[in-house]
Every structure is written in C-alpha cells, then in structure tokens.
C-alpha cells in the first residue's frame, strides 16, 4: 500500500499542475507530449491490489453502517465504484 510519501508526491504533483496550467484544456498534442514524458510510478497491478486492499479495510470498518459515498470530481467515479 502506498505510504505517506506517495500521497505527498501526488499532492505536490497536483499543486504544481494547478499552478502551471492556465487553460485546463490541453490540446491533443500537449496531452500526448505529457504522456510521452510521464514516468510510471506504480504498475496497474499494484494500483488494483491497493484499491482492493482499501476496499476490504473500508468494508471491515464500516460493515455495520450505511455510509453515504459521494464522488466529488468526475474522474473519481471509477475509483469510487471500485471501492464499493
């Protein structure tokens, strides 16, 4: 499971992204350039296993309750669905 340093890394990434982007819509060329220069931090398998682990922990912690789960951003819908 990712540690606190991983979450700080992601927080730094989003802070830098928010500070540097003036127009949040990238052109196709810009998106391809970013993807081409991106460094993979975790494999899809590691991410999948981590999400399943988180889901299991949430199930244990909240199995006797009925929580209201809200996805705030559009991209969070898939992640939230994987947790349920």
Protein backbone atom coordinates (compact mmCIF):
# COMPACT_ATOMS: atom_id res chain seq x y z
CA UNK A 1 0.00 0.00 0.00
CA UNK A 2 1.35 3.47 -0.81
CA UNK A 3 2.86 5.30 2.13
CA UNK A 4 2.56 8.93 3.22
CA UNK A 5 5.43 9.95 0.93
CA UNK A 6 3.44 8.71 -2.07
CA UNK A 7 0.47 10.85 -1.13
CA UNK A 8 2.77 13.85 -0.63
CA UNK A 9 4.20 13.20 -4.09
CA UNK A 10 0.69 13.23 -5.55
CA UNK A 11 -0.18 16.36 -3.58
CA UNK A 12 2.95 18.08 -4.94
CA UNK A 13 2.02 16.97 -8.46
CA UNK A 14 -1.47 18.44 -8.25
CA UNK A 15 -0.17 21.65 -6.67
CA UNK A 16 2.36 22.09 -9.48
CA UNK A 17 -0.28 21.21 -12.06
CA UNK A 18 -2.72 23.76 -10.66
CA UNK A 19 -0.02 26.45 -10.50
CA UNK A 20 1.24 25.92 -14.05
CA UNK A 21 -1.92 25.37 -16.05
CA UNK A 22 -3.70 28.48 -17.19
CA UNK A 23 -6.08 26.72 -19.55
CA UNK A 24 -7.17 23.37 -18.07
CA UNK A 25 -7.99 22.01 -21.53
CA UNK A 26 -4.95 20.54 -23.22
CA UNK A 27 -4.65 20.08 -26.93
CA UNK A 28 -4.22 16.55 -28.21
CA UNK A 29 -0.56 17.26 -28.96
CA UNK A 30 0.07 18.62 -25.46
CA UNK A 31 -1.59 15.60 -23.86
CA UNK A 32 0.47 13.19 -26.00
CA UNK A 33 3.66 15.06 -25.09
CA UNK A 34 2.89 14.84 -21.36
CA UNK A 35 2.05 11.15 -21.67
CA UNK A 36 5.24 10.51 -23.60
CA UNK A 37 7.35 12.21 -20.92
CA UNK A 38 5.48 10.69 -17.96
CA UNK A 39 7.16 8.30 -15.57
CA UNK A 40 5.14 5.35 -14.33
CA UNK A 41 5.21 5.35 -10.53
CA UNK A 42 3.12 2.21 -9.89
CA UNK A 43 2.03 -0.60 -12.18
CA UNK A 44 -1.65 -1.17 -12.90
CA UNK A 45 -1.42 -4.38 -10.85
CA UNK A 46 -0.10 -2.53 -7.78
CA UNK A 47 -2.83 0.11 -8.07
CA UNK A 48 -5.53 -2.55 -8.46
CA UNK A 49 -4.28 -4.53 -5.45
CA UNK A 50 -4.07 -1.35 -3.35
CA UNK A 51 -7.62 -0.30 -4.22
CA UNK A 52 -8.89 -3.80 -3.34
CA UNK A 53 -6.98 -3.62 -0.05
CA UNK A 54 -8.51 -0.22 0.72
CA UNK A 55 -11.98 -1.55 -0.13
CA UNK A 56 -11.50 -4.50 2.22
CA UNK A 57 -10.39 -2.20 5.05
CA UNK A 58 -13.36 0.11 4.47
CA UNK A 59 -15.71 -2.89 4.46
CA UNK A 60 -14.36 -4.09 7.81
CA UNK A 61 -14.52 -0.62 9.35
CA UNK A 62 -17.99 0.25 8.06
CA UNK A 63 -19.70 -3.13 7.62
CA UNK A 64 -22.29 -2.35 10.30
CA UNK A 65 -23.09 1.12 8.93
CA UNK A 66 -24.62 2.62 5.81
CA UNK A 67 -22.25 5.39 4.70
CA UNK A 68 -23.14 7.96 2.10
CA UNK A 69 -20.43 7.91 -0.57
CA UNK A 70 -20.08 10.95 -2.82
CA UNK A 71 -17.66 11.32 -5.70
CA UNK A 72 -16.68 14.96 -5.96
CA UNK A 73 -14.84 15.05 -9.28
CA UNK A 74 -15.81 13.24 -12.48
CA UNK A 75 -12.64 11.16 -12.52
CA UNK A 76 -13.39 9.92 -9.01
CA UNK A 77 -16.46 7.98 -10.15
CA UNK A 78 -14.49 4.98 -11.42
CA UNK A 79 -12.27 4.92 -8.32
CA UNK A 80 -15.28 5.21 -6.01
CA UNK A 81 -17.04 2.42 -7.86
CA UNK A 82 -14.03 0.17 -7.36
CA UNK A 83 -14.20 0.80 -3.61
CA UNK A 84 -17.86 -0.20 -3.33
